[in-house]
Amino acid sequence: MIISAGRNEVFPFALPMGVGLIDMSINLTAFLQKRPMAGFYAKYERDFADERAADLAALAPFATHSQADNELNLANPSASRKANLSQNPDKILNALPREIIFVGSAGLYKEGKILKIYESRSAVNCEISALYELSYSPISYEIIARNSTNVSYETIINSSNFITTDKKSALKFFERGYFLENMEFFAVLKVAQKFQIPAYGIFCATNFCDSNAHTDFLKNHAAAKENLTKYLKTKALI
């Protein structure tokens, strides 16, 4: 499954899930929760009519319910469906996507090239205040793919609801080992981690994180979207 932030980062091949850490977390979680249920219900409705007679016949020798109960189940498939859902959680989870691919733009902290494509399975949520020891966090804020064979360990994406425009701070982020800045990626990996779904990101650099960050982003954004589309085609992902 391919997703993007949305708003001005919309692709015909990607589902928009929300800009920033909060909207991405809420919408992706809601989507993943609803998707398997909808898929399971659709399949169950198709199969139920054909299977219920055979199932009841097979269970008849062991039945403890009355004939009235059996007729009630036939007349009320939703009740029977609820029972099956509670008894077969694995069948629901199997409908989740096998992999989540996030595509979007990103800002470079120090090194790299504008409009170049980068891949990553590692993200952090480190705010500027932490760089200057003005804050701390009691929660884990790093998801690092230390043993990934497909993605460089050094390609770490930092996510925040705020865009870095101070070059000095950008260099400090780079000194910590963070390479790119993207608003949503940490949320994507965090949600995917909770659902136990493999996930990674594909990014096109639009700017450096300095005083010209927004101007350069606007100038390069259309070309970045084109590059991302071409890259996914070369990878046979779309």
C-alpha atoms as a PDB file:
ATOM      1  CA  MET A   1       0.000   0.000   0.000  1.00  0.00           C
ATOM      2  CA  ILE A   2       1.388   3.386  -1.024  1.00  0.00           C
ATOM      3  CA  ILE A   3       0.438   6.467   1.001  1.00  0.00           C
ATOM      4  CA  SER A   4       1.300  10.167   1.025  1.00  0.00           C
ATOM      5  CA  ALA A   5       0.616  13.156   3.245  1.00  0.00           C
ATOM      6  CA  GLY A   6      -1.989  14.750   1.007  1.00  0.00           C
ATOM      7  CA  ARG A   7      -2.880  18.413   0.563  1.00  0.00           C
ATOM      8  CA  ASN A   8      -0.234  19.486  -1.993  1.00  0.00           C
ATOM      9  CA  GLU A   9       1.389  16.043  -2.013  1.00  0.00           C
ATOM     10  CA  VAL A  10      -1.272  14.066  -3.822  1.00  0.00           C
ATOM     11  CA  PHE A  11      -0.430  11.283  -6.267  1.00  0.00           C
ATOM     12  CA  PRO A  12      -2.832   9.190  -8.383  1.00  0.00           C
ATOM     13  CA  PHE A  13      -1.206   6.029  -6.993  1.00  0.00           C
ATOM     14  CA  ALA A  14      -1.122   6.975  -3.289  1.00  0.00           C
ATOM     15  CA  LEU A  15      -3.730   7.300  -0.554  1.00  0.00           C
ATOM     16  CA  PRO A  16      -3.495  10.704   1.209  1.00  0.00           C
ATOM     17  CA  MET A  17      -3.389  10.206   4.970  1.00  0.00           C
ATOM     18  CA  GLY A  18      -2.835  13.626   6.508  1.00  0.00           C
ATOM     19  CA  VAL A  19      -0.203  16.323   6.921  1.00  0.00           C
ATOM     20  CA  GLY A  20       1.942  16.283  10.054  1.00  0.00           C
ATOM     21  CA  LEU A  21       2.440  13.797  12.851  1.00  0.00           C
ATOM     22  CA  ILE A  22      -1.021  13.995  14.405  1.00  0.00           C
ATOM     23  CA  ASP A  23      -3.257  13.762  11.334  1.00  0.00           C
ATOM     24  CA  MET A  24      -1.084  11.013   9.846  1.00  0.00           C
ATOM     25  CA  SER A  25      -1.292   8.988  13.074  1.00  0.00           C
ATOM     26  CA  ILE A  26      -5.060   9.360  13.401  1.00  0.00           C
ATOM     27  CA  ASN A  27      -5.998   8.739   9.785  1.00  0.00           C
ATOM     28  CA  LEU A  28      -3.594   5.871   9.111  1.00  0.00           C
ATOM     29  CA  THR A  29      -4.675   4.094  12.296  1.00  0.00           C
ATOM     30  CA  ALA A  30      -8.351   4.530  11.431  1.00  0.00           C
ATOM     31  CA  PHE A  31      -7.773   3.292   7.885  1.00  0.00           C
ATOM     32  CA  LEU A  32      -5.898   0.188   8.985  1.00  0.00           C
ATOM     33  CA  GLN A  33      -8.582  -0.646  11.526  1.00  0.00           C
ATOM     34  CA  LYS A  34     -11.441  -0.311   9.048  1.00  0.00           C
ATOM     35  CA  ARG A  35      -9.769  -1.936   6.052  1.00  0.00           C
ATOM     36  CA  PRO A  36      -9.556  -5.520   7.328  1.00  0.00           C
ATOM     37  CA  MET A  37     -13.060  -5.396   8.796  1.00  0.00           C
ATOM     38  CA  ALA A  38     -14.567  -4.208   5.507  1.00  0.00           C
ATOM     39  CA  GLY A  39     -12.651  -6.787   3.514  1.00  0.00           C
ATOM     40  CA  PHE A  40     -13.625  -9.576   5.861  1.00  0.00           C
ATOM     41  CA  TYR A  41     -17.293  -8.626   5.851  1.00  0.00           C
ATOM     42  CA  ALA A  42     -17.430  -8.488   2.044  1.00  0.00           C
ATOM     43  CA  LYS A  43     -15.872 -11.933   1.700  1.00  0.00           C
ATOM     44  CA  TYR A  44     -17.987 -13.347   4.509  1.00  0.00           C
ATOM     45  CA  GLU A  45     -21.218 -12.131   2.908  1.00  0.00           C
ATOM     46  CA  ARG A  46     -20.259 -13.797  -0.397  1.00  0.00           C
ATOM     47  CA  ASP A  47     -19.321 -17.078   1.246  1.00  0.00           C
ATOM     48  CA  PHE A  48     -21.994 -17.235   3.908  1.00  0.00           C
ATOM     49  CA  ALA A  49     -24.911 -18.248   1.683  1.00  0.00           C
ATOM     50  CA  ASP A  50     -22.972 -21.151   0.173  1.00  0.00           C
ATOM     51  CA  GLU A  51     -21.283 -22.352   3.341  1.00  0.00           C
ATOM     52  CA  ARG A  52     -23.888 -22.048   6.081  1.00  0.00           C
ATOM     53  CA  ALA A  53     -25.974 -25.056   4.988  1.00  0.00           C
ATOM     54  CA  ALA A  54     -22.913 -27.310   4.818  1.00  0.00           C
ATOM     55  CA  ASP A  55     -21.619 -26.023   8.142  1.00  0.00           C
ATOM     56  CA  LEU A  56     -24.906 -26.639   9.921  1.00  0.00           C
ATOM     57  CA  ALA A  57     -25.151 -30.133   8.463  1.00  0.00           C
ATOM     58  CA  ALA A  58     -21.636 -30.984   9.648  1.00  0.00           C
ATOM     59  CA  LEU A  59     -22.342 -29.642  13.142  1.00  0.00           C
ATOM     60  CA  ALA A  60     -25.757 -31.277  13.486  1.00  0.00           C
ATOM     61  CA  PRO A  61     -24.519 -34.443  15.305  1.00  0.00           C
ATOM     62  CA  PHE A  62     -22.859 -32.260  17.951  1.00  0.00           C
ATOM     63  CA  ALA A  63     -25.490 -29.553  18.217  1.00  0.00           C
ATOM     64  CA  THR A  64     -26.570 -28.401  21.666  1.00  0.00           C
ATOM     65  CA  HIS A  65     -28.828 -25.606  20.432  1.00  0.00           C
ATOM     66  CA  SER A  66     -32.470 -26.012  19.598  1.00  0.00           C
ATOM     67  CA  GLN A  67     -33.866 -25.935  16.101  1.00  0.00           C
ATOM     68  CA  ALA A  68     -35.203 -22.502  16.939  1.00  0.00           C
ATOM     69  CA  ASP A  69     -31.681 -21.274  17.659  1.00  0.00           C
ATOM     70  CA  ASN A  70     -30.474 -22.595  14.319  1.00  0.00           C
ATOM     71  CA  GLU A  71     -33.291 -20.851  12.515  1.00  0.00           C
ATOM     72  CA  LEU A  72     -32.448 -17.646  14.369  1.00  0.00           C
ATOM     73  CA  ASN A  73     -28.857 -17.826  13.187  1.00  0.00           C
ATOM     74  CA  LEU A  74     -29.999 -18.335   9.604  1.00  0.00           C
ATOM     75  CA  ALA A  75     -32.354 -15.396   9.852  1.00  0.00           C
ATOM     76  CA  ASN A  76     -29.786 -13.179  11.555  1.00  0.00           C
ATOM     77  CA  PRO A  77     -26.427 -13.655   9.833  1.00  0.00           C
ATOM     78  CA  SER A  78     -25.025 -10.541  11.530  1.00  0.00           C
ATOM     79  CA  ALA A  79     -25.158 -12.308  14.908  1.00  0.00           C
ATOM     80  CA  SER A  80     -23.397 -15.313  13.469  1.00  0.00           C
ATOM     81  CA  ARG A  81     -20.893 -12.976  11.823  1.00  0.00           C
ATOM     82  CA  LYS A  82     -20.064 -11.328  15.165  1.00  0.00           C
ATOM     83  CA  ALA A  83     -19.379 -14.735  16.683  1.00  0.00           C
ATOM     84  CA  ASN A  84     -17.047 -15.650  13.849  1.00  0.00           C
ATOM     85  CA  LEU A  85     -15.212 -12.330  14.146  1.00  0.00           C
ATOM     86  CA  SER A  86     -14.597 -12.872  17.853  1.00  0.00           C
ATOM     87  CA  GLN A  87     -13.389 -16.429  17.286  1.00  0.00           C
ATOM     88  CA  ASN A  88     -11.165 -15.777  14.273  1.00  0.00           C
ATOM     89  CA  PRO A  89      -9.048 -12.656  14.879  1.00  0.00           C
ATOM     90  CA  ASP A  90      -6.212 -13.963  12.681  1.00  0.00           C
ATOM     91  CA  LYS A  91      -8.527 -14.083   9.699  1.00  0.00           C
ATOM     92  CA  ILE A  92      -9.171 -10.357  10.108  1.00  0.00           C
ATOM     93  CA  LEU A  93      -5.524  -9.400  10.536  1.00  0.00           C
ATOM     94  CA  ASN A  94      -4.557 -11.260   7.374  1.00  0.00           C
ATOM     95  CA  ALA A  95      -6.418  -8.594   5.377  1.00  0.00           C
ATOM     96  CA  LEU A  96      -3.955  -5.870   6.409  1.00  0.00           C
ATOM     97  CA  PRO A  97      -1.515  -4.627   3.757  1.00  0.00           C
ATOM     98  CA  ARG A  98       1.698  -6.612   3.511  1.00  0.00           C
ATOM     99  CA  GLU A  99       3.767  -3.404   3.363  1.00  0.00           C
ATOM    100  CA  ILE A 100       3.317   0.342   3.668  1.00  0.00           C
ATOM    101  CA  ILE A 101       5.319   2.663   1.408  1.00  0.00           C
ATOM    102  CA  PHE A 102       5.243   6.358   2.228  1.00  0.00           C
ATOM    103  CA  VAL A 103       6.189   8.813  -0.541  1.00  0.00           C
ATOM    104  CA  GLY A 104       6.872  12.488  -0.050  1.00  0.00           C
ATOM    105  CA  SER A 105       9.211  15.438  -0.135  1.00  0.00           C
ATOM    106  CA  ALA A 106      11.943  16.188   2.397  1.00  0.00           C
ATOM    107  CA  GLY A 107      14.473  18.820   3.396  1.00  0.00           C
ATOM    108  CA  LEU A 108      18.218  18.166   3.654  1.00  0.00           C
ATOM    109  CA  TYR A 109      20.054  19.136   6.826  1.00  0.00           C
ATOM    110  CA  LYS A 110      23.559  19.447   5.380  1.00  0.00           C
ATOM    111  CA  GLU A 111      24.616  17.007   2.641  1.00  0.00           C
ATOM    112  CA  GLY A 112      22.792  15.589  -0.348  1.00  0.00           C
ATOM    113  CA  LYS A 113      21.378  16.839  -3.625  1.00  0.00           C
ATOM    114  CA  ILE A 114      18.181  18.657  -4.440  1.00  0.00           C
ATOM    115  CA  LEU A 115      15.685  16.494  -6.389  1.00  0.00           C
ATOM    116  CA  LYS A 116      17.579  13.308  -5.542  1.00  0.00           C
ATOM    117  CA  ILE A 117      15.622  10.279  -4.320  1.00  0.00           C
ATOM    118  CA  TYR A 118      16.343   8.766  -0.897  1.00  0.00           C
ATOM    119  CA  GLU A 119      14.893   5.701   0.817  1.00  0.00           C
ATOM    120  CA  SER A 120      14.658   5.087   4.541  1.00  0.00           C
ATOM    121  CA  ARG A 121      13.289   2.725   7.167  1.00  0.00           C
ATOM    122  CA  SER A 122      14.512   4.884  10.073  1.00  0.00           C
ATOM    123  CA  ALA A 123      12.861   7.896  11.677  1.00  0.00           C
ATOM    124  CA  VAL A 124      13.038  10.038  14.784  1.00  0.00           C
ATOM    125  CA  ASN A 125      10.874  12.727  16.345  1.00  0.00           C
ATOM    126  CA  CYS A 126      13.423  15.203  17.680  1.00  0.00           C
ATOM    127  CA  GLU A 127      12.420  18.823  18.235  1.00  0.00           C
ATOM    128  CA  ILE A 128      14.801  21.785  18.047  1.00  0.00           C
ATOM    129  CA  SER A 129      14.376  22.438  21.765  1.00  0.00           C
ATOM    130  CA  ALA A 130      16.019  19.082  22.485  1.00  0.00           C
ATOM    131  CA  LEU A 131      19.117  20.138  20.551  1.00  0.00           C
ATOM    132  CA  TYR A 132      19.720  22.963  23.001  1.00  0.00           C
ATOM    133  CA  GLU A 133      18.774  20.960  26.098  1.00  0.00           C
ATOM    134  CA  LEU A 134      15.638  23.022  26.608  1.00  0.00           C
ATOM    135  CA  SER A 135      13.388  19.991  26.819  1.00  0.00           C
ATOM    136  CA  TYR A 136      13.357  16.231  27.324  1.00  0.00           C
ATOM    137  CA  SER A 137      10.959  13.421  26.458  1.00  0.00           C
ATOM    138  CA  PRO A 138       9.910  10.490  28.665  1.00  0.00           C
ATOM    139  CA  ILE A 139       8.903   8.460  25.577  1.00  0.00           C
ATOM    140  CA  SER A 140      10.954   6.683  22.929  1.00  0.00           C
ATOM    141  CA  TYR A 141      11.397   8.961  19.915  1.00  0.00           C
ATOM    142  CA  GLU A 142      13.545   6.837  17.596  1.00  0.00           C
ATOM    143  CA  ILE A 143      12.691   3.994  15.216  1.00  0.00           C
ATOM    144  CA  ILE A 144      15.963   2.846  13.698  1.00  0.00           C
ATOM    145  CA  ALA A 145      16.312  -0.005  11.191  1.00  0.00           C
ATOM    146  CA  ARG A 146      19.768  -1.024  12.332  1.00  0.00           C
ATOM    147  CA  ASN A 147      19.809  -4.340  10.480  1.00  0.00           C
ATOM    148  CA  SER A 148      18.157  -3.321   7.236  1.00  0.00           C
ATOM    149  CA  THR A 149      19.872  -4.758   4.160  1.00  0.00           C
ATOM    150  CA  ASN A 150      18.051  -2.547   1.672  1.00  0.00           C
ATOM    151  CA  VAL A 151      18.400   0.900   3.202  1.00  0.00           C
ATOM    152  CA  SER A 152      21.456   2.714   4.486  1.00  0.00           C
ATOM    153  CA  TYR A 153      21.603   2.992   8.272  1.00  0.00           C
ATOM    154  CA  GLU A 154      22.612   6.640   7.934  1.00  0.00           C
ATOM    155  CA  THR A 155      19.430   7.658   6.098  1.00  0.00           C
ATOM    156  CA  ILE A 156      17.500   8.771   9.169  1.00  0.00           C
ATOM    157  CA  ILE A 157      14.470  11.002   8.748  1.00  0.00           C
ATOM    158  CA  ASN A 158      13.563  13.507  11.454  1.00  0.00           C
ATOM    159  CA  SER A 159       9.885  14.371  11.790  1.00  0.00           C
ATOM    160  CA  SER A 160       8.266  17.363  13.423  1.00  0.00           C
ATOM    161  CA  ASN A 161       5.169  19.490  12.928  1.00  0.00           C
ATOM    162  CA  PHE A 162       7.549  22.414  12.439  1.00  0.00           C
ATOM    163  CA  ILE A 163       9.943  22.980   9.530  1.00  0.00           C
ATOM    164  CA  THR A 164      13.546  23.859  10.357  1.00  0.00           C
ATOM    165  CA  THR A 165      14.636  27.181   8.824  1.00  0.00           C
ATOM    166  CA  ASP A 166      17.672  27.836  11.037  1.00  0.00           C
ATOM    167  CA  LYS A 167      20.858  26.561   9.375  1.00  0.00           C
ATOM    168  CA  LYS A 168      22.732  26.270  12.677  1.00  0.00           C
ATOM    169  CA  SER A 169      20.035  23.971  14.042  1.00  0.00           C
ATOM    170  CA  ALA A 170      19.977  21.969  10.822  1.00  0.00           C
ATOM    171  CA  LEU A 171      23.710  21.315  11.186  1.00  0.00           C
ATOM    172  CA  LYS A 172      23.184  20.155  14.754  1.00  0.00           C
ATOM    173  CA  PHE A 173      20.524  17.720  13.572  1.00  0.00           C
ATOM    174  CA  PHE A 174      23.005  16.424  11.017  1.00  0.00           C
ATOM    175  CA  GLU A 175      25.650  15.980  13.721  1.00  0.00           C
ATOM    176  CA  ARG A 176      23.179  13.729  15.538  1.00  0.00           C
ATOM    177  CA  GLY A 177      23.045  11.523  12.457  1.00  0.00           C
ATOM    178  CA  TYR A 178      19.784  12.813  11.006  1.00  0.00           C
ATOM    179  CA  PHE A 179      19.883  13.298   7.250  1.00  0.00           C
ATOM    180  CA  LEU A 180      16.477  14.497   6.071  1.00  0.00           C
ATOM    181  CA  GLU A 181      13.435  16.234   7.497  1.00  0.00           C
ATOM    182  CA  ASN A 182       9.869  15.128   6.703  1.00  0.00           C
ATOM    183  CA  MET A 183       6.816  15.956   8.771  1.00  0.00           C
ATOM    184  CA  GLU A 184       4.983  12.607   8.667  1.00  0.00           C
ATOM    185  CA  PHE A 185       7.433   9.710   8.431  1.00  0.00           C
ATOM    186  CA  PHE A 186       7.928   9.002  12.138  1.00  0.00           C
ATOM    187  CA  ALA A 187       4.156   8.709  12.537  1.00  0.00           C
ATOM    188  CA  VAL A 188       3.976   6.311   9.582  1.00  0.00           C
ATOM    189  CA  LEU A 189       6.603   4.012  11.088  1.00  0.00           C
ATOM    190  CA  LYS A 190       5.088   4.231  14.566  1.00  0.00           C
ATOM    191  CA  VAL A 191       1.631   3.192  13.361  1.00  0.00           C
ATOM    192  CA  ALA A 192       3.075   0.474  11.118  1.00  0.00           C
ATOM    193  CA  GLN A 193       5.066  -0.820  14.086  1.00  0.00           C
ATOM    194  CA  LYS A 194       1.902  -1.096  16.183  1.00  0.00           C
ATOM    195  CA  PHE A 195       0.160  -3.062  13.432  1.00  0.00           C
ATOM    196  CA  GLN A 196       3.315  -5.129  12.791  1.00  0.00           C
ATOM    197  CA  ILE A 197       3.423  -4.108   9.125  1.00  0.00           C
ATOM    198  CA  PRO A 198       6.794  -3.549   7.358  1.00  0.00           C
ATOM    199  CA  ALA A 199       7.121   0.052   6.187  1.00  0.00           C
ATOM    200  CA  TYR A 200       9.592   2.355   4.523  1.00  0.00           C
ATOM    201  CA  GLY A 201       9.708   5.766   2.885  1.00  0.00           C
ATOM    202  CA  ILE A 202      10.748   7.104  -0.500  1.00  0.00           C
ATOM    203  CA  PHE A 203      11.631  10.805  -0.500  1.00  0.00           C
ATOM    204  CA  CYS A 204      12.688  13.458  -2.970  1.00  0.00           C
ATOM    205  CA  ALA A 205      14.728  16.336  -1.535  1.00  0.00           C
ATOM    206  CA  THR A 206      13.210  19.720  -2.334  1.00  0.00           C
ATOM    207  CA  ASN A 207      15.333  22.063  -0.211  1.00  0.00           C
ATOM    208  CA  PHE A 208      17.964  22.511   2.450  1.00  0.00           C
ATOM    209  CA  CYS A 209      16.776  23.405   5.946  1.00  0.00           C
ATOM    210  CA  ASP A 210      17.755  27.064   6.000  1.00  0.00           C
ATOM    211  CA  SER A 211      16.169  30.484   5.619  1.00  0.00           C
ATOM    212  CA  ASN A 212      15.245  29.706   2.000  1.00  0.00           C
ATOM    213  CA  ALA A 213      13.580  26.373   2.874  1.00  0.00           C
ATOM    214  CA  HIS A 214      10.004  27.338   2.013  1.00  0.00           C
ATOM    215  CA  THR A 215      10.898  29.264  -1.153  1.00  0.00           C
ATOM    216  CA  ASP A 216      13.022  26.392  -2.464  1.00  0.00           C
ATOM    217  CA  PHE A 217      10.345  23.872  -1.509  1.00  0.00           C
ATOM    218  CA  LEU A 218       7.766  25.703  -3.600  1.00  0.00           C
ATOM    219  CA  LYS A 219      10.184  26.037  -6.509  1.00  0.00           C
ATOM    220  CA  ASN A 220      11.151  22.362  -6.577  1.00  0.00           C
ATOM    221  CA  HIS A 221       7.995  20.632  -5.399  1.00  0.00           C
ATOM    222  CA  ALA A 222       6.436  19.896  -8.798  1.00  0.00           C
ATOM    223  CA  ALA A 223       9.693  18.437 -10.115  1.00  0.00           C
ATOM    224  CA  ALA A 224      10.055  16.379  -6.926  1.00  0.00           C
ATOM    225  CA  LYS A 225       6.628  14.820  -7.463  1.00  0.00           C
ATOM    226  CA  GLU A 226       7.567  13.943 -11.033  1.00  0.00           C
ATOM    227  CA  ASN A 227      10.831  12.371  -9.864  1.00  0.00           C
ATOM    228  CA  LEU A 228       9.016  10.310  -7.257  1.00  0.00           C
ATOM    229  CA  THR A 229       6.547   9.048  -9.854  1.00  0.00           C
ATOM    230  CA  LYS A 230       9.349   8.089 -12.254  1.00  0.00           C
ATOM    231  CA  TYR A 231      11.290   6.374  -9.468  1.00  0.00           C
ATOM    232  CA  LEU A 232       8.328   4.258  -8.388  1.00  0.00           C
ATOM    233  CA  LYS A 233       7.813   3.210 -12.001  1.00  0.00           C
ATOM    234  CA  THR A 234      11.447   2.149 -12.367  1.00  0.00           C
ATOM    235  CA  LYS A 235      11.042   0.097  -9.185  1.00  0.00           C
ATOM    236  CA  ALA A 236       7.855  -1.467 -10.626  1.00  0.00           C
ATOM    237  CA  LEU A 237       5.905  -0.238  -7.595  1.00  0.00           C
ATOM    238  CA  ILE A 238       3.241   1.398  -9.763  1.00  0.00           C
END
